């Protein structure tokens, strides 16, 4: 069956009732089975589980052959511009530490594939005790509902030695967060553009970036965005 990202989320959370469920992570080799208590495999395992669950539920999807390339799944196998799904996971006790996207790659991709801004993010929060994980919550979000400003740049990013690497998420589910997520894709694009102006490595080549992204978005979707 063909499902949109929102329909997939509803099926997983409201019908299948995944929140609160528990799983055990073990590894077997020959006659020895061990419990896995490290968290570095959880993200990949949850994504593999989701793939198997979608297959069992006969949900149409196509997995990206390259796990390092966006997105993780295409829910529309015939129109690769629609229903792009990225899966993220994080440790509930530590908060969201994942990357939303590589900063340079994302900015460059919007010049030719601006529809990517409408991609969906399916996010699992888990808690781990020994080798047992509990699904604490699941969210379905757009990138602008996850990204936020910061004290350094108009967009929260991961920066090391004055080099921006990744776009980082807000703590969108917390009422105590200092910086709230953006309210629209236009606000997100504006913050991304302003960050490119403030960032020395992109400042001098940023003159027409936003204009070209908006033009490309209209070419792909027929929708004209107004970004200040």
N, C-alpha and C. Protein backbone atom coordinates (compact mmCIF):
# COMPACT_ATOMS: atom_id res chain seq x y z
N UNK A 1 0.84 -1.19 0.00
CA UNK A 1 0.00 0.00 0.00
C UNK A 1 0.87 1.24 0.00
N UNK A 2 0.39 2.27 -0.66
CA UNK A 2 1.14 3.52 -0.71
C UNK A 2 0.68 4.44 0.42
N UNK A 3 1.63 4.88 1.23
CA UNK A 3 1.33 5.77 2.35
C UNK A 3 2.21 7.01 2.27
N UNK A 4 1.65 8.13 2.67
CA UNK A 4 2.47 9.33 2.85
C UNK A 4 3.23 9.19 4.16
N UNK A 5 4.16 10.09 4.41
CA UNK A 5 4.89 10.05 5.66
C UNK A 5 3.98 10.19 6.87
N UNK A 6 3.00 11.09 6.77
CA UNK A 6 2.07 11.30 7.88
C UNK A 6 1.22 10.05 8.12
N UNK A 7 0.80 9.41 7.04
CA UNK A 7 0.01 8.18 7.17
C UNK A 7 0.85 7.05 7.77
N UNK A 8 2.12 7.00 7.39
CA UNK A 8 3.03 6.00 7.96
C UNK A 8 3.19 6.22 9.46
N UNK A 9 3.38 7.48 9.85
CA UNK A 9 3.50 7.81 11.27
C UNK A 9 2.23 7.40 12.03
N UNK A 10 1.07 7.72 11.47
CA UNK A 10 -0.19 7.37 12.13
C UNK A 10 -0.34 5.86 12.29
N UNK A 11 0.07 5.14 11.28
CA UNK A 11 -0.02 3.68 11.33
C UNK A 11 0.92 3.11 12.40
N UNK A 12 2.11 3.66 12.45
CA UNK A 12 3.13 3.18 13.40
C UNK A 12 2.78 3.53 14.84
N UNK A 13 2.31 4.75 15.05
CA UNK A 13 2.09 5.25 16.41
C UNK A 13 0.67 4.98 16.91
N UNK A 14 -0.32 5.27 16.09
CA UNK A 14 -1.71 5.17 16.55
C UNK A 14 -2.30 3.77 16.38
N UNK A 15 -1.93 3.08 15.30
CA UNK A 15 -2.46 1.74 15.07
C UNK A 15 -1.56 0.67 15.70
N UNK A 16 -0.29 0.72 15.39
CA UNK A 16 0.65 -0.29 15.89
C UNK A 16 1.05 -0.03 17.34
N UNK A 17 0.91 1.23 17.75
CA UNK A 17 1.18 1.65 19.14
C UNK A 17 2.60 1.30 19.58
N UNK A 18 3.56 1.85 18.83
CA UNK A 18 4.97 1.55 19.08
C UNK A 18 5.50 2.23 20.34
N UNK A 19 4.93 3.39 20.71
CA UNK A 19 5.45 4.13 21.86
C UNK A 19 5.21 3.33 23.14
N UNK A 20 6.29 3.17 23.92
CA UNK A 20 6.23 2.40 25.15
C UNK A 20 6.66 0.95 25.00
N UNK A 21 6.78 0.50 23.75
CA UNK A 21 7.20 -0.89 23.51
C UNK A 21 8.69 -1.06 23.79
N UNK A 22 9.07 -2.31 24.10
CA UNK A 22 10.46 -2.61 24.46
C UNK A 22 11.06 -3.61 23.48
N UNK A 23 12.37 -3.53 23.33
CA UNK A 23 13.10 -4.47 22.49
C UNK A 23 14.41 -4.85 23.15
N UNK A 24 14.94 -6.01 22.77
CA UNK A 24 16.20 -6.51 23.30
C UNK A 24 17.21 -6.60 22.16
N UNK A 25 18.44 -6.16 22.40
CA UNK A 25 19.48 -6.22 21.38
C UNK A 25 20.50 -7.28 21.76
N UNK A 26 20.54 -8.35 20.97
CA UNK A 26 21.50 -9.43 21.18
C UNK A 26 22.30 -9.67 19.90
N UNK A 27 23.44 -10.32 20.04
CA UNK A 27 24.24 -10.71 18.89
C UNK A 27 24.70 -12.15 19.09
N UNK A 28 24.49 -12.97 18.06
CA UNK A 28 24.87 -14.38 18.15
C UNK A 28 25.94 -14.71 17.12
N UNK A 29 26.94 -15.45 17.55
CA UNK A 29 27.98 -15.96 16.66
C UNK A 29 28.32 -17.38 17.11
N UNK A 30 28.06 -18.32 16.24
CA UNK A 30 28.20 -19.75 16.52
C UNK A 30 27.36 -20.10 17.76
N UNK A 31 27.99 -20.54 18.84
CA UNK A 31 27.19 -20.98 19.99
C UNK A 31 27.20 -19.96 21.13
N UNK A 32 27.60 -18.72 20.80
CA UNK A 32 27.67 -17.69 21.84
C UNK A 32 26.76 -16.51 21.49
N UNK A 33 25.87 -16.17 22.39
CA UNK A 33 24.99 -15.01 22.23
C UNK A 33 25.30 -14.00 23.33
N UNK A 34 25.51 -12.77 22.92
CA UNK A 34 25.83 -11.73 23.90
C UNK A 34 24.77 -10.63 23.86
N UNK A 35 24.61 -9.95 24.97
CA UNK A 35 23.72 -8.80 25.05
C UNK A 35 24.50 -7.55 24.67
N UNK A 36 23.92 -6.74 23.80
CA UNK A 36 24.57 -5.50 23.36
C UNK A 36 24.07 -4.35 24.22
N UNK A 37 24.98 -3.74 24.97
CA UNK A 37 24.58 -2.67 25.88
C UNK A 37 25.13 -1.31 25.45
N UNK A 38 25.82 -1.27 24.31
CA UNK A 38 26.32 0.01 23.79
C UNK A 38 25.28 0.63 22.87
N UNK A 39 25.25 1.95 22.82
CA UNK A 39 24.19 2.65 22.10
C UNK A 39 24.54 2.98 20.66
N UNK A 40 25.77 2.69 20.25
CA UNK A 40 26.19 3.14 18.92
C UNK A 40 25.55 2.35 17.78
N UNK A 41 24.88 1.24 18.09
CA UNK A 41 24.22 0.47 17.03
C UNK A 41 22.71 0.70 16.98
N UNK A 42 22.18 1.38 17.99
CA UNK A 42 20.72 1.47 18.13
C UNK A 42 20.06 2.15 16.92
N UNK A 43 20.65 3.25 16.46
CA UNK A 43 20.06 3.97 15.33
C UNK A 43 19.92 3.11 14.09
N UNK A 44 20.99 2.41 13.73
CA UNK A 44 20.94 1.54 12.55
C UNK A 44 19.95 0.40 12.73
N UNK A 45 19.91 -0.16 13.94
CA UNK A 45 19.00 -1.28 14.20
C UNK A 45 17.54 -0.84 14.13
N UNK A 46 17.23 0.34 14.66
CA UNK A 46 15.85 0.84 14.59
C UNK A 46 15.44 1.11 13.15
N UNK A 47 16.37 1.61 12.36
CA UNK A 47 16.05 1.85 10.94
C UNK A 47 15.83 0.53 10.21
N UNK A 48 16.64 -0.48 10.52
CA UNK A 48 16.45 -1.80 9.92
C UNK A 48 15.12 -2.42 10.37
N UNK A 49 14.79 -2.20 11.65
CA UNK A 49 13.51 -2.70 12.15
C UNK A 49 12.35 -2.03 11.42
N UNK A 50 12.45 -0.70 11.23
CA UNK A 50 11.40 0.04 10.53
C UNK A 50 11.22 -0.50 9.11
N UNK A 51 12.33 -0.77 8.44
CA UNK A 51 12.26 -1.33 7.09
C UNK A 51 11.53 -2.67 7.09
N UNK A 52 11.88 -3.53 8.03
CA UNK A 52 11.23 -4.85 8.12
C UNK A 52 9.74 -4.70 8.46
N UNK A 53 9.43 -3.75 9.32
CA UNK A 53 8.02 -3.52 9.69
C UNK A 53 7.22 -3.03 8.49
N UNK A 54 7.80 -2.12 7.71
CA UNK A 54 7.10 -1.62 6.52
C UNK A 54 6.87 -2.76 5.52
N UNK A 55 7.85 -3.64 5.39
CA UNK A 55 7.69 -4.78 4.49
C UNK A 55 6.59 -5.71 4.99
N UNK A 56 6.57 -5.96 6.30
CA UNK A 56 5.55 -6.83 6.88
C UNK A 56 4.16 -6.24 6.72
N UNK A 57 4.08 -4.90 6.79
CA UNK A 57 2.79 -4.20 6.65
C UNK A 57 2.46 -3.91 5.19
N UNK A 58 3.34 -4.37 4.28
CA UNK A 58 3.15 -4.18 2.84
C UNK A 58 3.04 -2.70 2.45
N UNK A 59 3.86 -1.89 3.10
CA UNK A 59 3.94 -0.47 2.77
C UNK A 59 4.94 -0.30 1.62
N UNK A 60 4.54 0.43 0.60
CA UNK A 60 5.44 0.68 -0.52
C UNK A 60 6.56 1.62 -0.11
N UNK A 61 7.78 1.26 -0.46
CA UNK A 61 8.91 2.16 -0.22
C UNK A 61 10.09 1.70 -1.04
N UNK A 62 11.03 2.59 -1.17
CA UNK A 62 12.30 2.25 -1.81
C UNK A 62 13.41 2.79 -0.93
N UNK A 63 14.31 1.91 -0.54
CA UNK A 63 15.42 2.33 0.32
C UNK A 63 16.54 2.91 -0.53
N UNK A 64 17.17 3.95 -0.01
CA UNK A 64 18.30 4.53 -0.72
C UNK A 64 19.46 3.53 -0.68
N UNK A 65 20.01 3.22 -1.84
CA UNK A 65 21.08 2.21 -1.92
C UNK A 65 22.33 2.65 -1.16
N UNK A 66 22.55 3.96 -1.11
CA UNK A 66 23.70 4.51 -0.38
C UNK A 66 23.21 5.09 0.94
N UNK A 67 23.58 4.45 2.04
CA UNK A 67 23.08 4.87 3.35
C UNK A 67 23.58 6.25 3.76
N UNK A 68 24.61 6.75 3.07
CA UNK A 68 25.15 8.07 3.40
C UNK A 68 24.48 9.20 2.63
N UNK A 69 23.58 8.83 1.72
CA UNK A 69 22.94 9.82 0.86
C UNK A 69 21.49 10.01 1.29
N UNK A 70 21.05 11.26 1.28
CA UNK A 70 19.68 11.61 1.64
C UNK A 70 18.74 11.22 0.50
N UNK A 71 17.51 10.76 0.78
CA UNK A 71 16.95 10.41 2.08
C UNK A 71 17.15 8.92 2.37
N UNK A 72 16.69 8.48 3.54
CA UNK A 72 16.78 7.06 3.87
C UNK A 72 15.79 6.24 3.05
N UNK A 73 14.57 6.79 2.88
CA UNK A 73 13.52 6.07 2.16
C UNK A 73 12.75 7.00 1.23
N UNK A 74 12.35 6.45 0.10
CA UNK A 74 11.37 7.10 -0.77
C UNK A 74 10.04 6.36 -0.58
N UNK A 75 9.04 7.06 -0.07
CA UNK A 75 7.73 6.43 0.10
C UNK A 75 6.91 6.49 -1.18
N UNK A 76 7.30 7.35 -2.11
CA UNK A 76 6.69 7.37 -3.44
C UNK A 76 7.75 6.89 -4.42
N UNK A 77 7.61 5.65 -4.87
CA UNK A 77 8.64 5.05 -5.72
C UNK A 77 8.63 5.62 -7.14
N UNK A 78 7.55 6.30 -7.50
CA UNK A 78 7.41 6.79 -8.87
C UNK A 78 7.74 8.27 -9.02
N UNK A 79 7.58 9.02 -7.94
CA UNK A 79 7.92 10.44 -7.96
C UNK A 79 8.91 10.71 -6.83
N UNK A 80 10.18 10.78 -7.18
CA UNK A 80 11.24 10.90 -6.17
C UNK A 80 11.33 12.30 -5.56
N UNK A 81 10.41 13.18 -5.97
CA UNK A 81 10.38 14.51 -5.37
C UNK A 81 9.39 14.59 -4.20
N UNK A 82 8.59 13.55 -4.05
CA UNK A 82 7.56 13.54 -3.01
C UNK A 82 7.85 12.47 -1.97
N UNK A 83 7.39 12.72 -0.74
CA UNK A 83 7.44 11.72 0.34
C UNK A 83 8.84 11.17 0.56
N UNK A 84 9.80 12.07 0.68
CA UNK A 84 11.16 11.69 1.06
C UNK A 84 11.19 11.56 2.58
N UNK A 85 11.69 10.44 3.08
CA UNK A 85 11.66 10.18 4.52
C UNK A 85 13.06 9.94 5.06
N UNK A 86 13.41 10.72 6.06
CA UNK A 86 14.68 10.56 6.76
C UNK A 86 14.37 10.07 8.18
N UNK A 87 15.11 9.07 8.64
CA UNK A 87 14.88 8.49 9.96
C UNK A 87 16.00 8.91 10.91
N UNK A 88 15.62 9.42 12.07
CA UNK A 88 16.59 9.84 13.08
C UNK A 88 16.25 9.19 14.42
N UNK A 89 17.26 8.95 15.22
CA UNK A 89 17.05 8.38 16.55
C UNK A 89 17.92 9.12 17.56
N UNK A 90 17.48 9.12 18.81
CA UNK A 90 18.33 9.69 19.85
C UNK A 90 17.99 9.10 21.21
N UNK A 91 18.96 9.19 22.08
CA UNK A 91 18.85 8.71 23.45
C UNK A 91 18.03 9.73 24.26
N UNK A 92 16.90 9.30 24.76
CA UNK A 92 15.98 10.18 25.49
C UNK A 92 16.66 10.88 26.67
N UNK A 93 17.58 10.19 27.32
CA UNK A 93 18.23 10.75 28.50
C UNK A 93 19.27 11.82 28.15
N UNK A 94 19.73 11.81 26.93
CA UNK A 94 20.77 12.77 26.52
C UNK A 94 20.25 13.88 25.62
N UNK A 95 19.11 13.67 25.01
CA UNK A 95 18.55 14.69 24.12
C UNK A 95 19.03 14.50 22.69
N UNK A 96 18.42 15.21 21.75
CA UNK A 96 18.74 15.02 20.33
C UNK A 96 20.15 15.49 19.99
N UNK A 97 20.99 14.55 19.62
CA UNK A 97 22.37 14.87 19.25
C UNK A 97 22.66 14.56 17.80
N UNK A 98 21.62 14.27 17.03
CA UNK A 98 21.83 13.92 15.62
C UNK A 98 21.95 15.18 14.76
N UNK A 99 22.41 14.98 13.54
CA UNK A 99 22.50 16.07 12.57
C UNK A 99 21.26 16.04 11.67
N UNK A 100 20.74 17.22 11.38
CA UNK A 100 19.63 17.30 10.43
C UNK A 100 20.14 17.15 9.00
N UNK A 101 21.30 17.73 8.74
CA UNK A 101 21.91 17.65 7.41
C UNK A 101 23.30 18.26 7.47
N UNK A 102 24.15 17.87 6.54
CA UNK A 102 25.43 18.54 6.37
C UNK A 102 25.17 19.94 5.81
N UNK A 103 25.77 20.94 6.39
CA UNK A 103 25.47 22.33 6.04
C UNK A 103 25.74 22.62 4.55
N UNK A 104 26.96 22.36 4.10
CA UNK A 104 27.32 22.67 2.71
C UNK A 104 26.52 21.84 1.72
N UNK A 105 26.42 20.54 1.98
CA UNK A 105 25.71 19.65 1.06
C UNK A 105 24.24 20.05 0.95
N UNK A 106 23.65 20.40 2.09
CA UNK A 106 22.23 20.77 2.08
C UNK A 106 22.02 22.06 1.28
N UNK A 107 22.86 23.05 1.54
CA UNK A 107 22.74 24.32 0.82
C UNK A 107 22.90 24.12 -0.69
N UNK A 108 23.88 23.31 -1.07
CA UNK A 108 24.11 23.05 -2.49
C UNK A 108 22.97 22.26 -3.12
N UNK A 109 22.42 21.31 -2.38
CA UNK A 109 21.35 20.48 -2.93
C UNK A 109 20.09 21.29 -3.20
N UNK A 110 19.85 22.32 -2.40
CA UNK A 110 18.64 23.13 -2.59
C UNK A 110 18.68 23.93 -3.89
N UNK A 111 19.86 24.12 -4.45
CA UNK A 111 19.98 24.85 -5.72
C UNK A 111 19.41 24.06 -6.89
N UNK A 112 19.44 22.74 -6.79
CA UNK A 112 18.95 21.89 -7.88
C UNK A 112 17.77 21.02 -7.47
N UNK A 113 17.64 20.77 -6.16
CA UNK A 113 16.57 19.90 -5.65
C UNK A 113 15.88 20.58 -4.48
N UNK A 114 15.35 21.76 -4.73
CA UNK A 114 14.79 22.57 -3.64
C UNK A 114 13.58 21.91 -2.98
N UNK A 115 12.95 20.95 -3.67
CA UNK A 115 11.83 20.22 -3.08
C UNK A 115 12.26 19.44 -1.83
N UNK A 116 13.56 19.27 -1.68
CA UNK A 116 14.09 18.53 -0.52
C UNK A 116 13.69 19.20 0.80
N UNK A 117 13.42 20.49 0.75
CA UNK A 117 13.05 21.19 1.99
C UNK A 117 11.74 20.65 2.57
N UNK A 118 10.92 20.01 1.74
CA UNK A 118 9.64 19.47 2.20
C UNK A 118 9.76 18.03 2.71
N UNK A 119 10.97 17.51 2.77
CA UNK A 119 11.18 16.13 3.24
C UNK A 119 10.67 15.95 4.67
N UNK A 120 10.33 14.71 4.97
CA UNK A 120 9.81 14.37 6.30
C UNK A 120 10.89 13.71 7.15
N UNK A 121 10.81 13.97 8.44
CA UNK A 121 11.71 13.35 9.41
C UNK A 121 10.89 12.53 10.39
N UNK A 122 11.22 11.25 10.49
CA UNK A 122 10.60 10.36 11.47
C UNK A 122 11.64 10.12 12.56
N UNK A 123 11.31 10.55 13.78
CA UNK A 123 12.31 10.56 14.85
C UNK A 123 11.88 9.66 16.00
N UNK A 124 12.77 8.75 16.37
CA UNK A 124 12.54 7.85 17.50
C UNK A 124 13.39 8.28 18.68
N UNK A 125 12.76 8.44 19.84
CA UNK A 125 13.50 8.64 21.09
C UNK A 125 13.44 7.33 21.87
N UNK A 126 14.60 6.85 22.29
CA UNK A 126 14.65 5.59 23.02
C UNK A 126 15.37 5.77 24.35
N UNK A 127 15.10 4.86 25.25
CA UNK A 127 15.81 4.80 26.52
C UNK A 127 16.40 3.41 26.63
N UNK A 128 17.64 3.31 27.08
CA UNK A 128 18.32 2.02 27.11
C UNK A 128 18.72 1.65 28.53
N UNK A 129 18.40 0.42 28.89
CA UNK A 129 18.80 -0.13 30.19
C UNK A 129 19.38 -1.52 29.93
N UNK A 130 20.68 -1.66 30.10
CA UNK A 130 21.32 -2.91 29.71
C UNK A 130 21.20 -3.07 28.22
N UNK A 131 20.64 -4.19 27.78
CA UNK A 131 20.45 -4.41 26.34
C UNK A 131 18.99 -4.18 25.93
N UNK A 132 18.19 -3.66 26.85
CA UNK A 132 16.78 -3.41 26.57
C UNK A 132 16.55 -1.95 26.21
N UNK A 133 15.87 -1.73 25.10
CA UNK A 133 15.51 -0.36 24.73
C UNK A 133 13.99 -0.20 24.81
N UNK A 134 13.58 0.99 25.22
CA UNK A 134 12.17 1.35 25.28
C UNK A 134 11.94 2.54 24.36
N UNK A 135 10.93 2.47 23.51
CA UNK A 135 10.60 3.60 22.65
C UNK A 135 9.82 4.61 23.49
N UNK A 136 10.45 5.74 23.76
CA UNK A 136 9.84 6.75 24.63
C UNK A 136 8.88 7.66 23.87
N UNK A 137 9.22 7.96 22.62
CA UNK A 137 8.34 8.82 21.83
C UNK A 137 8.74 8.73 20.36
N UNK A 138 7.83 9.12 19.50
CA UNK A 138 8.09 9.17 18.06
C UNK A 138 7.47 10.46 17.53
N UNK A 139 8.20 11.16 16.68
CA UNK A 139 7.70 12.41 16.10
C UNK A 139 7.78 12.35 14.58
N UNK A 140 6.92 13.13 13.96
CA UNK A 140 6.93 13.29 12.51
C UNK A 140 7.03 14.79 12.23
N UNK A 141 8.16 15.22 11.65
CA UNK A 141 8.44 16.65 11.55
C UNK A 141 9.03 17.02 10.18
N UNK A 142 8.92 18.31 9.87
CA UNK A 142 9.66 18.90 8.76
C UNK A 142 10.94 19.51 9.32
N UNK A 143 11.88 19.81 8.44
CA UNK A 143 13.17 20.30 8.93
C UNK A 143 13.03 21.62 9.68
N UNK A 144 12.11 22.48 9.24
CA UNK A 144 11.97 23.78 9.93
C UNK A 144 11.30 23.62 11.29
N UNK A 145 10.64 22.49 11.52
CA UNK A 145 10.04 22.22 12.83
C UNK A 145 11.05 21.62 13.81
N UNK A 146 12.24 21.33 13.30
CA UNK A 146 13.31 20.77 14.12
C UNK A 146 14.46 21.75 14.30
N UNK A 147 14.76 22.51 13.26
CA UNK A 147 15.85 23.48 13.31
C UNK A 147 15.43 24.70 14.11
N UNK A 148 16.42 25.48 14.54
CA UNK A 148 16.13 26.67 15.36
C UNK A 148 17.29 27.65 15.25
N UNK A 149 17.10 28.86 15.77
CA UNK A 149 18.23 29.80 15.84
C UNK A 149 19.21 29.38 16.92
N UNK A 150 20.29 30.12 17.03
CA UNK A 150 21.25 29.91 18.12
C UNK A 150 21.84 31.25 18.52
N UNK A 151 22.66 31.24 19.53
CA UNK A 151 23.28 32.49 19.97
C UNK A 151 24.37 32.96 19.03
N UNK A 152 24.90 32.06 18.22
CA UNK A 152 26.01 32.39 17.33
C UNK A 152 25.54 32.79 15.93
N UNK A 153 24.67 31.97 15.36
CA UNK A 153 24.15 32.19 14.01
C UNK A 153 22.63 32.20 14.03
N UNK A 154 22.01 32.75 12.99
CA UNK A 154 20.54 32.69 12.89
C UNK A 154 20.01 31.26 12.81
N UNK A 155 20.91 30.30 12.49
CA UNK A 155 20.55 28.88 12.42
C UNK A 155 21.50 28.10 13.31
N UNK A 156 20.97 27.19 14.10
CA UNK A 156 21.81 26.37 14.97
C UNK A 156 22.62 25.38 14.13
N UNK A 157 23.93 25.45 14.29
CA UNK A 157 24.82 24.58 13.51
C UNK A 157 25.89 24.00 14.42
N UNK A 158 26.55 22.98 13.91
CA UNK A 158 27.73 22.43 14.57
C UNK A 158 28.95 23.09 13.94
N UNK A 159 29.71 23.79 14.76
CA UNK A 159 30.87 24.52 14.27
C UNK A 159 32.11 24.10 15.06
N UNK A 160 33.17 23.78 14.34
CA UNK A 160 34.44 23.42 14.97
C UNK A 160 35.55 24.22 14.33
N UNK A 161 36.30 24.94 15.16
CA UNK A 161 37.42 25.75 14.68
C UNK A 161 36.99 26.67 13.53
N UNK A 162 35.85 27.32 13.74
CA UNK A 162 35.29 28.31 12.81
C UNK A 162 34.83 27.70 11.49
N UNK A 163 34.65 26.39 11.45
CA UNK A 163 34.12 25.72 10.25
C UNK A 163 32.76 25.11 10.59
N UNK A 164 31.74 25.46 9.80
CA UNK A 164 30.40 24.89 10.00
C UNK A 164 30.34 23.52 9.32
N UNK A 165 29.89 22.53 10.07
CA UNK A 165 29.78 21.18 9.51
C UNK A 165 28.33 20.75 9.28
N UNK A 166 27.50 20.88 10.30
CA UNK A 166 26.15 20.31 10.20
C UNK A 166 25.09 21.25 10.76
N UNK A 167 23.87 21.05 10.29
CA UNK A 167 22.70 21.73 10.86
C UNK A 167 22.20 20.87 12.01
N UNK A 168 22.04 21.48 13.18
CA UNK A 168 21.68 20.73 14.38
C UNK A 168 20.25 21.04 14.81
N UNK A 169 19.61 20.09 15.49
CA UNK A 169 18.21 20.28 15.89
C UNK A 169 18.06 21.05 17.19
N UNK A 170 16.87 21.57 17.36
CA UNK A 170 16.46 22.16 18.64
C UNK A 170 16.02 21.03 19.57
N UNK A 171 15.68 21.39 20.79
CA UNK A 171 14.99 20.44 21.68
C UNK A 171 13.51 20.79 21.55
N UNK A 172 12.93 20.39 20.42
CA UNK A 172 11.61 20.86 20.00
C UNK A 172 10.48 20.46 20.94
N UNK A 173 10.68 19.41 21.72
CA UNK A 173 9.62 18.88 22.58
C UNK A 173 9.66 19.47 23.99
N UNK A 174 10.66 20.30 24.27
CA UNK A 174 10.81 20.84 25.61
C UNK A 174 10.25 22.26 25.71
N UNK A 175 9.54 22.52 26.78
CA UNK A 175 9.01 23.87 27.01
C UNK A 175 10.07 24.79 27.61
N UNK A 176 11.19 24.21 28.03
CA UNK A 176 12.24 24.99 28.67
C UNK A 176 13.37 25.35 27.72
N UNK A 177 13.23 24.97 26.45
CA UNK A 177 14.30 25.23 25.50
C UNK A 177 14.48 26.73 25.28
N UNK A 178 15.72 27.15 25.13
CA UNK A 178 16.02 28.57 24.96
C UNK A 178 15.63 29.06 23.57
N UNK A 179 15.83 28.21 22.57
CA UNK A 179 15.52 28.59 21.19
C UNK A 179 14.46 27.65 20.63
N UNK A 180 13.33 28.23 20.23
CA UNK A 180 12.23 27.45 19.68
C UNK A 180 12.45 27.16 18.19
N UNK A 181 11.86 26.09 17.68
CA UNK A 181 11.98 25.81 16.24
C UNK A 181 11.35 26.91 15.40
N UNK A 182 11.69 26.93 14.13
CA UNK A 182 11.09 27.88 13.21
C UNK A 182 9.63 27.49 12.96
N UNK A 183 8.84 28.46 12.53
CA UNK A 183 7.41 28.21 12.35
C UNK A 183 7.04 27.92 10.90
N UNK A 184 7.98 28.14 9.98
CA UNK A 184 7.66 27.92 8.56
C UNK A 184 8.93 27.64 7.78
N UNK A 185 8.76 27.09 6.59
CA UNK A 185 9.93 26.84 5.74
C UNK A 185 10.55 28.16 5.29
N UNK A 186 9.70 29.19 5.14
CA UNK A 186 10.23 30.50 4.75
C UNK A 186 11.15 31.07 5.83
N UNK A 187 10.75 30.93 7.09
CA UNK A 187 11.57 31.42 8.19
C UNK A 187 12.89 30.64 8.27
N UNK A 188 12.80 29.34 8.03
CA UNK A 188 14.00 28.49 8.02
C UNK A 188 14.94 28.90 6.89
N UNK A 189 14.40 29.10 5.70
CA UNK A 189 15.23 29.50 4.56
C UNK A 189 15.88 30.86 4.80
N UNK A 190 15.15 31.76 5.42
CA UNK A 190 15.70 33.07 5.73
C UNK A 190 16.88 32.95 6.70
N UNK A 191 16.72 32.10 7.72
CA UNK A 191 17.80 31.89 8.69
C UNK A 191 19.00 31.22 8.04
N UNK A 192 18.73 30.28 7.14
CA UNK A 192 19.82 29.60 6.42
C UNK A 192 20.58 30.60 5.56
N UNK A 193 19.84 31.46 4.89
CA UNK A 193 20.46 32.48 4.05
C UNK A 193 21.28 33.47 4.87
N UNK A 194 20.72 33.91 5.99
CA UNK A 194 21.44 34.87 6.85
C UNK A 194 22.69 34.24 7.46
N UNK A 195 22.60 32.95 7.77
CA UNK A 195 23.77 32.24 8.30
C UNK A 195 24.86 32.19 7.24
N UNK A 196 24.47 31.96 6.00
CA UNK A 196 25.44 31.94 4.90
C UNK A 196 26.10 33.31 4.72
N UNK A 197 25.34 34.37 4.96
CA UNK A 197 25.92 35.72 4.88
C UNK A 197 26.90 35.98 6.01
N UNK A 198 26.59 35.48 7.19
CA UNK A 198 27.46 35.73 8.35
C UNK A 198 28.69 34.82 8.37
N UNK A 199 28.58 33.66 7.74
CA UNK A 199 29.66 32.67 7.75
C UNK A 199 30.70 33.07 6.70
N UNK A 200 31.94 33.33 7.11
CA UNK A 200 32.96 33.84 6.18
C UNK A 200 33.16 32.99 4.93
N UNK A 201 33.03 31.68 5.04
CA UNK A 201 33.31 30.81 3.89
C UNK A 201 32.24 30.87 2.80
N UNK A 202 31.05 31.34 3.14
CA UNK A 202 30.00 31.42 2.12
C UNK A 202 29.54 32.85 1.85
N UNK A 203 30.03 33.80 2.64
CA UNK A 203 29.57 35.18 2.54
C UNK A 203 29.72 35.75 1.13
N UNK A 204 30.88 35.52 0.52
CA UNK A 204 31.18 36.19 -0.76
C UNK A 204 30.52 35.52 -1.97
N UNK A 205 29.99 34.32 -1.78
CA UNK A 205 29.34 33.62 -2.90
C UNK A 205 27.83 33.50 -2.69
N UNK A 206 27.32 34.25 -1.72
CA UNK A 206 25.92 34.05 -1.33
C UNK A 206 24.94 34.99 -2.01
N UNK A 207 25.44 35.86 -2.88
CA UNK A 207 24.60 36.91 -3.44
C UNK A 207 23.27 36.45 -4.01
N UNK A 208 23.27 35.36 -4.78
CA UNK A 208 22.05 34.92 -5.46
C UNK A 208 21.56 33.56 -4.96
N UNK A 209 22.16 33.07 -3.88
CA UNK A 209 21.81 31.71 -3.43
C UNK A 209 20.32 31.57 -3.14
N UNK A 210 19.77 32.44 -2.31
CA UNK A 210 18.36 32.33 -1.94
C UNK A 210 17.46 32.50 -3.15
N UNK A 211 17.77 33.46 -3.98
CA UNK A 211 16.98 33.71 -5.19
C UNK A 211 16.95 32.46 -6.08
N UNK A 212 18.09 31.81 -6.22
CA UNK A 212 18.17 30.60 -7.05
C UNK A 212 17.43 29.42 -6.43
N UNK A 213 17.48 29.32 -5.10
CA UNK A 213 16.74 28.26 -4.41
C UNK A 213 15.23 28.45 -4.61
N UNK A 214 14.77 29.68 -4.44
CA UNK A 214 13.34 29.96 -4.59
C UNK A 214 12.88 29.69 -6.03
N UNK A 215 13.72 30.04 -6.98
CA UNK A 215 13.40 29.78 -8.39
C UNK A 215 13.31 28.28 -8.65
N UNK A 216 14.26 27.53 -8.12
CA UNK A 216 14.27 26.08 -8.31
C UNK A 216 13.07 25.43 -7.63
N UNK A 217 12.70 25.94 -6.46
CA UNK A 217 11.54 25.40 -5.75
C UNK A 217 10.27 25.60 -6.57
N UNK A 218 10.14 26.78 -7.16
CA UNK A 218 8.96 27.06 -7.99
C UNK A 218 8.94 26.18 -9.24
N UNK A 219 10.12 25.94 -9.82
CA UNK A 219 10.19 25.08 -11.01
C UNK A 219 9.73 23.65 -10.69
N UNK A 220 10.08 23.17 -9.51
CA UNK A 220 9.74 21.79 -9.14
C UNK A 220 8.32 21.65 -8.63
N UNK A 221 7.83 22.66 -7.91
CA UNK A 221 6.54 22.51 -7.22
C UNK A 221 5.43 23.40 -7.77
N UNK A 222 5.80 24.43 -8.50
CA UNK A 222 4.81 25.39 -8.98
C UNK A 222 4.41 26.40 -7.91
N UNK A 223 5.07 26.35 -6.77
CA UNK A 223 4.73 27.24 -5.65
C UNK A 223 5.81 28.32 -5.52
N UNK A 224 5.36 29.56 -5.44
CA UNK A 224 6.28 30.68 -5.30
C UNK A 224 6.36 31.07 -3.82
N UNK A 225 7.52 30.86 -3.23
CA UNK A 225 7.71 31.20 -1.82
C UNK A 225 8.14 32.65 -1.67
N UNK A 226 7.68 33.28 -0.62
CA UNK A 226 8.07 34.65 -0.31
C UNK A 226 8.95 34.63 0.93
N UNK A 227 10.23 34.88 0.73
CA UNK A 227 11.19 34.87 1.85
C UNK A 227 11.85 36.23 1.93
N UNK A 228 11.83 36.80 3.12
CA UNK A 228 12.45 38.12 3.30
C UNK A 228 13.95 37.98 3.50
